[in-house]
N, C-alpha and C. Protein backbone atom coordinates (compact mmCIF):
# COMPACT_ATOMS: atom_id res chain seq x y z
N UNK A 1 0.84 -1.19 0.00
CA UNK A 1 0.00 0.00 0.00
C UNK A 1 0.88 1.24 0.00
N UNK A 2 0.33 2.29 -0.53
CA UNK A 2 1.10 3.52 -0.63
C UNK A 2 0.85 4.40 0.58
N UNK A 3 1.68 5.39 0.74
CA UNK A 3 1.57 6.29 1.87
C UNK A 3 0.93 7.61 1.46
N UNK A 4 0.12 7.61 0.41
CA UNK A 4 -0.50 8.85 -0.06
C UNK A 4 -1.96 8.90 0.39
N UNK A 5 -2.14 9.16 1.68
CA UNK A 5 -3.47 9.30 2.23
C UNK A 5 -3.54 10.58 3.03
N UNK A 6 -4.74 11.03 3.38
CA UNK A 6 -4.90 12.35 4.01
C UNK A 6 -4.40 12.40 5.46
N UNK A 7 -3.17 12.84 5.63
CA UNK A 7 -2.64 12.99 6.99
C UNK A 7 -3.36 14.14 7.68
N UNK A 8 -3.46 14.06 9.01
CA UNK A 8 -4.11 15.11 9.77
C UNK A 8 -5.62 14.95 9.84
N UNK A 9 -6.10 13.74 9.53
CA UNK A 9 -7.53 13.46 9.58
C UNK A 9 -7.76 12.14 10.32
N UNK A 10 -9.00 11.93 10.73
CA UNK A 10 -9.34 10.66 11.37
C UNK A 10 -9.16 9.52 10.35
N UNK A 11 -9.50 9.80 9.11
CA UNK A 11 -9.30 8.80 8.07
C UNK A 11 -7.82 8.41 7.96
N UNK A 12 -6.96 9.41 8.04
CA UNK A 12 -5.52 9.14 8.02
C UNK A 12 -5.09 8.31 9.22
N UNK A 13 -5.65 8.62 10.38
CA UNK A 13 -5.35 7.86 11.60
C UNK A 13 -5.72 6.39 11.41
N UNK A 14 -6.92 6.16 10.88
CA UNK A 14 -7.37 4.78 10.65
C UNK A 14 -6.50 4.07 9.63
N UNK A 15 -6.04 4.81 8.64
CA UNK A 15 -5.17 4.21 7.62
C UNK A 15 -3.85 3.78 8.23
N UNK A 16 -3.32 4.61 9.15
CA UNK A 16 -2.09 4.21 9.85
C UNK A 16 -2.32 2.88 10.57
N UNK A 17 -3.45 2.76 11.25
CA UNK A 17 -3.73 1.52 11.96
C UNK A 17 -3.84 0.34 11.00
N UNK A 18 -4.56 0.56 9.90
CA UNK A 18 -4.76 -0.50 8.92
C UNK A 18 -3.43 -0.98 8.33
N UNK A 19 -2.56 -0.02 8.03
CA UNK A 19 -1.27 -0.36 7.42
C UNK A 19 -0.21 -0.72 8.45
N UNK A 20 -0.57 -0.60 9.73
CA UNK A 20 0.35 -0.91 10.83
C UNK A 20 1.63 -0.08 10.74
N UNK A 21 1.41 1.23 10.51
CA UNK A 21 2.54 2.16 10.47
C UNK A 21 2.47 3.06 11.70
N UNK A 22 3.55 3.72 11.99
CA UNK A 22 3.58 4.65 13.12
C UNK A 22 2.66 5.82 12.80
N UNK A 23 1.78 6.14 13.74
CA UNK A 23 0.83 7.23 13.53
C UNK A 23 1.55 8.56 13.63
N UNK A 24 1.37 9.41 12.60
CA UNK A 24 2.03 10.72 12.61
C UNK A 24 1.31 11.64 13.61
N UNK A 25 1.99 12.68 14.02
CA UNK A 25 1.44 13.61 15.01
C UNK A 25 0.15 14.27 14.53
N UNK A 26 0.07 14.61 13.25
CA UNK A 26 -1.12 15.27 12.72
C UNK A 26 -2.34 14.36 12.79
N UNK A 27 -2.17 13.10 12.44
CA UNK A 27 -3.29 12.15 12.48
C UNK A 27 -3.70 11.87 13.93
N UNK A 28 -2.72 11.76 14.80
CA UNK A 28 -3.02 11.52 16.21
C UNK A 28 -3.78 12.70 16.80
N UNK A 29 -3.39 13.92 16.45
CA UNK A 29 -4.09 15.11 16.94
C UNK A 29 -5.53 15.14 16.41
N UNK A 30 -5.73 14.75 15.16
CA UNK A 30 -7.07 14.71 14.58
C UNK A 30 -7.94 13.70 15.33
N UNK A 31 -7.38 12.56 15.66
CA UNK A 31 -8.11 11.53 16.41
C UNK A 31 -8.51 12.05 17.79
N UNK A 32 -7.56 12.70 18.46
CA UNK A 32 -7.85 13.24 19.80
C UNK A 32 -8.96 14.29 19.74
N UNK A 33 -8.88 15.17 18.76
CA UNK A 33 -9.89 16.21 18.60
C UNK A 33 -11.26 15.60 18.33
N UNK A 34 -11.30 14.59 17.49
CA UNK A 34 -12.56 13.92 17.16
C UNK A 34 -13.16 13.24 18.39
N UNK A 35 -12.34 12.53 19.15
CA UNK A 35 -12.83 11.85 20.36
C UNK A 35 -13.34 12.86 21.38
N UNK A 36 -12.62 13.97 21.55
CA UNK A 36 -13.04 14.99 22.51
C UNK A 36 -14.38 15.59 22.10
N UNK A 37 -14.57 15.83 20.80
CA UNK A 37 -15.84 16.37 20.31
C UNK A 37 -16.98 15.39 20.56
N UNK A 38 -16.72 14.11 20.34
CA UNK A 38 -17.75 13.09 20.58
C UNK A 38 -18.10 13.01 22.07
N UNK A 39 -17.10 13.12 22.93
CA UNK A 39 -17.37 13.09 24.37
C UNK A 39 -18.17 14.31 24.80
N UNK A 40 -17.85 15.48 24.25
CA UNK A 40 -18.62 16.69 24.56
C UNK A 40 -20.07 16.54 24.11
N UNK A 41 -20.27 15.94 22.95
CA UNK A 41 -21.63 15.73 22.43
C UNK A 41 -22.40 14.77 23.34
N UNK A 42 -21.74 13.73 23.81
CA UNK A 42 -22.40 12.79 24.73
C UNK A 42 -22.80 13.51 26.02
N UNK A 43 -21.89 14.32 26.53
CA UNK A 43 -22.16 15.05 27.77
C UNK A 43 -23.32 16.03 27.57
N UNK A 44 -23.35 16.72 26.44
CA UNK A 44 -24.42 17.67 26.15
C UNK A 44 -25.77 16.97 26.03
N UNK A 45 -25.75 15.71 25.59
CA UNK A 45 -26.98 14.93 25.44
C UNK A 45 -27.40 14.30 26.77
N UNK A 46 -26.60 14.52 27.81
CA UNK A 46 -26.94 13.98 29.13
C UNK A 46 -26.57 12.53 29.33
N UNK A 47 -25.71 12.01 28.45
CA UNK A 47 -25.28 10.62 28.57
C UNK A 47 -24.01 10.56 29.41
N UNK A 48 -23.81 9.47 30.14
CA UNK A 48 -22.58 9.34 30.93
C UNK A 48 -21.38 9.15 30.01
N UNK A 49 -20.20 9.49 30.51
CA UNK A 49 -19.00 9.29 29.68
C UNK A 49 -18.81 7.82 29.37
N UNK A 50 -18.24 7.53 28.21
CA UNK A 50 -17.99 6.14 27.83
C UNK A 50 -16.89 5.57 28.70
N UNK A 51 -17.03 4.33 29.05
CA UNK A 51 -16.01 3.66 29.83
C UNK A 51 -14.96 3.09 28.88
N UNK A 52 -13.71 3.27 29.23
CA UNK A 52 -12.65 2.70 28.42
C UNK A 52 -12.60 1.20 28.65
N UNK A 53 -12.46 0.46 27.56
CA UNK A 53 -12.34 -0.98 27.66
C UNK A 53 -10.87 -1.34 27.65
N UNK A 54 -10.53 -2.26 28.50
CA UNK A 54 -9.16 -2.74 28.51
C UNK A 54 -9.13 -4.13 27.90
N UNK A 55 -7.97 -4.65 27.64
CA UNK A 55 -7.85 -5.99 27.09
C UNK A 55 -8.49 -6.99 28.02
N UNK A 56 -8.31 -6.80 29.31
CA UNK A 56 -8.90 -7.71 30.29
C UNK A 56 -10.42 -7.66 30.21
N UNK A 57 -11.01 -6.45 30.07
CA UNK A 57 -12.47 -6.34 29.96
C UNK A 57 -12.97 -7.12 28.75
N UNK A 58 -12.31 -6.99 27.64
CA UNK A 58 -12.73 -7.67 26.42
C UNK A 58 -12.61 -9.17 26.56
N UNK A 59 -11.57 -9.61 27.22
CA UNK A 59 -11.35 -11.04 27.40
C UNK A 59 -12.38 -11.65 28.34
N UNK A 60 -12.76 -10.90 29.39
CA UNK A 60 -13.70 -11.42 30.38
C UNK A 60 -15.14 -11.37 29.92
N UNK A 61 -15.43 -10.56 28.89
CA UNK A 61 -16.82 -10.39 28.44
C UNK A 61 -17.32 -11.58 27.69
C-alpha cells in the first residue's frame, strides 16, 4: 500500500492503523480532537462518559 493518504484526519489515523505504520502527530491530533468532540456531544446529550475498555475487559466479556 502507498503512503498517499490524508494525513491530519481521522481517516488518516485509521489508515495508519490498517497499514500498521507509526501514527504521525497530525493524524493523532485529529483523532484526539474527534474523540473529545464526541465526548462533549455525549455530555451535552446527558449521557454518561464512555467507559474505556481494557484488554482484560474484552477477554472477560
